[in-house]
């Protein structure tokens, strides 16, 4: 007859296996589709002016590109310490922003 510890351990293992199987059967979440995302990194001067920003079109200033992205994708911006941040958005959304602001 198994002891209470063995029964409890077996139940925990069965629960973990069940959770792993459920996760593998679940649809892919937004976080797992990162290859389709565009990341735009932003670095700021101490006076809060944009120092560098990725994917900036040549005809738009760095600061204006930041303002445009803030307006077009405000929920996709994340702030980091040290005067940094980034936008994470879907490739289609980013392509739409670029096409609407082509030279």
C-alpha atoms as a PDB file:
ATOM      1  CA  UNK A   1       0.000   0.000   0.000  1.00  0.00           C
ATOM      2  CA  UNK A   2       1.556   3.353  -1.054  1.00  0.00           C
ATOM      3  CA  UNK A   3       2.145   6.004   1.544  1.00  0.00           C
ATOM      4  CA  UNK A   4       0.407   9.393   1.548  1.00  0.00           C
ATOM      5  CA  UNK A   5       3.574  11.102   0.272  1.00  0.00           C
ATOM      6  CA  UNK A   6       3.786   8.832  -2.780  1.00  0.00           C
ATOM      7  CA  UNK A   7       0.124   9.405  -3.627  1.00  0.00           C
ATOM      8  CA  UNK A   8       0.549  13.192  -3.305  1.00  0.00           C
ATOM      9  CA  UNK A   9       3.693  13.143  -5.453  1.00  0.00           C
ATOM     10  CA  UNK A  10       1.980  11.067  -8.119  1.00  0.00           C
ATOM     11  CA  UNK A  11      -0.966  13.520  -8.194  1.00  0.00           C
ATOM     12  CA  UNK A  12       1.392  16.475  -8.591  1.00  0.00           C
ATOM     13  CA  UNK A  13       3.226  14.782 -11.469  1.00  0.00           C
ATOM     14  CA  UNK A  14      -0.080  13.922 -13.147  1.00  0.00           C
ATOM     15  CA  UNK A  15      -1.276  17.533 -12.776  1.00  0.00           C
ATOM     16  CA  UNK A  16       1.964  18.899 -14.258  1.00  0.00           C
ATOM     17  CA  UNK A  17       1.741  16.505 -17.200  1.00  0.00           C
ATOM     18  CA  UNK A  18      -1.908  17.488 -17.734  1.00  0.00           C
ATOM     19  CA  UNK A  19      -1.005  21.190 -17.727  1.00  0.00           C
ATOM     20  CA  UNK A  20       1.832  20.611 -20.216  1.00  0.00           C
ATOM     21  CA  UNK A  21      -0.480  18.686 -22.532  1.00  0.00           C
ATOM     22  CA  UNK A  22      -3.131  21.410 -22.280  1.00  0.00           C
ATOM     23  CA  UNK A  23      -0.592  24.108 -23.129  1.00  0.00           C
ATOM     24  CA  UNK A  24       0.680  22.206 -26.165  1.00  0.00           C
ATOM     25  CA  UNK A  25      -2.900  21.814 -27.418  1.00  0.00           C
ATOM     26  CA  UNK A  26      -3.808  25.470 -26.807  1.00  0.00           C
ATOM     27  CA  UNK A  27      -3.732  27.990 -29.655  1.00  0.00           C
ATOM     28  CA  UNK A  28      -0.552  30.002 -30.056  1.00  0.00           C
ATOM     29  CA  UNK A  29      -0.647  33.126 -27.925  1.00  0.00           C
ATOM     30  CA  UNK A  30       0.466  36.605 -28.993  1.00  0.00           C
ATOM     31  CA  UNK A  31       3.747  36.257 -27.068  1.00  0.00           C
ATOM     32  CA  UNK A  32       4.722  33.134 -28.988  1.00  0.00           C
ATOM     33  CA  UNK A  33       4.356  34.831 -32.405  1.00  0.00           C
ATOM     34  CA  UNK A  34       7.256  37.236 -31.928  1.00  0.00           C
ATOM     35  CA  UNK A  35       8.912  36.586 -35.316  1.00  0.00           C
ATOM     36  CA  UNK A  36       6.022  38.548 -36.920  1.00  0.00           C
ATOM     37  CA  UNK A  37       6.563  41.489 -34.584  1.00  0.00           C
ATOM     38  CA  UNK A  38       8.579  44.601 -35.327  1.00  0.00           C
ATOM     39  CA  UNK A  39      10.645  46.082 -32.498  1.00  0.00           C
ATOM     40  CA  UNK A  40      11.562  49.738 -32.707  1.00  0.00           C
ATOM     41  CA  UNK A  41      14.091  50.710 -30.057  1.00  0.00           C
ATOM     42  CA  UNK A  42      14.244  54.305 -28.840  1.00  0.00           C
ATOM     43  CA  UNK A  43      16.985  55.994 -26.788  1.00  0.00           C
ATOM     44  CA  UNK A  44      16.654  59.448 -25.302  1.00  0.00           C
ATOM     45  CA  UNK A  45      19.007  62.260 -24.319  1.00  0.00           C
ATOM     46  CA  UNK A  46      18.774  63.400 -20.671  1.00  0.00           C
ATOM     47  CA  UNK A  47      16.581  66.300 -21.863  1.00  0.00           C
ATOM     48  CA  UNK A  48      14.021  63.761 -23.235  1.00  0.00           C
ATOM     49  CA  UNK A  49      14.808  64.411 -26.902  1.00  0.00           C
ATOM     50  CA  UNK A  50      15.173  61.307 -29.073  1.00  0.00           C
ATOM     51  CA  UNK A  51      18.806  60.264 -29.464  1.00  0.00           C
ATOM     52  CA  UNK A  52      18.258  57.204 -31.677  1.00  0.00           C
ATOM     53  CA  UNK A  53      15.214  55.390 -33.013  1.00  0.00           C
ATOM     54  CA  UNK A  54      15.053  52.380 -35.329  1.00  0.00           C
ATOM     55  CA  UNK A  55      13.480  52.206 -38.795  1.00  0.00           C
ATOM     56  CA  UNK A  56      13.187  55.972 -39.137  1.00  0.00           C
ATOM     57  CA  UNK A  57      12.430  57.029 -42.732  1.00  0.00           C
ATOM     58  CA  UNK A  58      14.992  59.477 -44.126  1.00  0.00           C
ATOM     59  CA  UNK A  59      12.473  62.268 -44.739  1.00  0.00           C
ATOM     60  CA  UNK A  60      11.238  62.309 -41.100  1.00  0.00           C
ATOM     61  CA  UNK A  61      13.244  63.633 -38.149  1.00  0.00           C
ATOM     62  CA  UNK A  62      13.941  61.264 -35.260  1.00  0.00           C
ATOM     63  CA  UNK A  63      11.689  63.225 -32.901  1.00  0.00           C
ATOM     64  CA  UNK A  64       8.842  63.397 -35.440  1.00  0.00           C
ATOM     65  CA  UNK A  65       9.115  59.644 -36.082  1.00  0.00           C
ATOM     66  CA  UNK A  66       8.752  59.035 -32.337  1.00  0.00           C
ATOM     67  CA  UNK A  67       5.697  61.324 -32.155  1.00  0.00           C
ATOM     68  CA  UNK A  68       4.171  59.631 -35.190  1.00  0.00           C
ATOM     69  CA  UNK A  69       4.620  56.170 -33.639  1.00  0.00           C
ATOM     70  CA  UNK A  70       3.206  57.417 -30.321  1.00  0.00           C
ATOM     71  CA  UNK A  71       0.138  58.646 -32.167  1.00  0.00           C
ATOM     72  CA  UNK A  72      -0.242  55.589 -34.444  1.00  0.00           C
ATOM     73  CA  UNK A  73       0.566  52.877 -31.873  1.00  0.00           C
ATOM     74  CA  UNK A  74       0.313  54.265 -28.335  1.00  0.00           C
ATOM     75  CA  UNK A  75      -0.519  50.931 -26.703  1.00  0.00           C
ATOM     76  CA  UNK A  76       2.536  49.249 -28.233  1.00  0.00           C
ATOM     77  CA  UNK A  77       5.119  51.428 -26.462  1.00  0.00           C
ATOM     78  CA  UNK A  78       6.977  50.167 -23.416  1.00  0.00           C
ATOM     79  CA  UNK A  79       9.277  52.309 -21.250  1.00  0.00           C
ATOM     80  CA  UNK A  80      12.585  51.033 -19.905  1.00  0.00           C
ATOM     81  CA  UNK A  81      14.974  52.552 -17.390  1.00  0.00           C
ATOM     82  CA  UNK A  82      17.984  54.544 -18.518  1.00  0.00           C
ATOM     83  CA  UNK A  83      16.223  56.660 -21.122  1.00  0.00           C
ATOM     84  CA  UNK A  84      15.144  53.761 -23.309  1.00  0.00           C
ATOM     85  CA  UNK A  85      11.944  52.286 -24.644  1.00  0.00           C
ATOM     86  CA  UNK A  86      10.577  50.332 -27.564  1.00  0.00           C
ATOM     87  CA  UNK A  87       7.530  49.827 -29.698  1.00  0.00           C
ATOM     88  CA  UNK A  88       6.449  46.228 -30.357  1.00  0.00           C
ATOM     89  CA  UNK A  89       3.846  45.886 -33.078  1.00  0.00           C
ATOM     90  CA  UNK A  90       2.660  43.510 -35.731  1.00  0.00           C
ATOM     91  CA  UNK A  91       4.459  43.639 -39.071  1.00  0.00           C
ATOM     92  CA  UNK A  92       1.207  44.555 -40.870  1.00  0.00           C
ATOM     93  CA  UNK A  93       0.542  47.497 -38.530  1.00  0.00           C
ATOM     94  CA  UNK A  94       4.103  48.757 -38.983  1.00  0.00           C
ATOM     95  CA  UNK A  95       3.914  48.426 -42.776  1.00  0.00           C
ATOM     96  CA  UNK A  96       0.674  50.421 -42.758  1.00  0.00           C
ATOM     97  CA  UNK A  97       2.318  53.234 -40.758  1.00  0.00           C
ATOM     98  CA  UNK A  98       5.251  53.294 -43.169  1.00  0.00           C
ATOM     99  CA  UNK A  99       3.051  53.331 -46.272  1.00  0.00           C
ATOM    100  CA  UNK A 100       0.913  56.183 -44.909  1.00  0.00           C
ATOM    101  CA  UNK A 101       4.029  58.266 -44.293  1.00  0.00           C
ATOM    102  CA  UNK A 102       6.010  57.530 -47.441  1.00  0.00           C
ATOM    103  CA  UNK A 103       7.874  60.410 -49.037  1.00  0.00           C
END
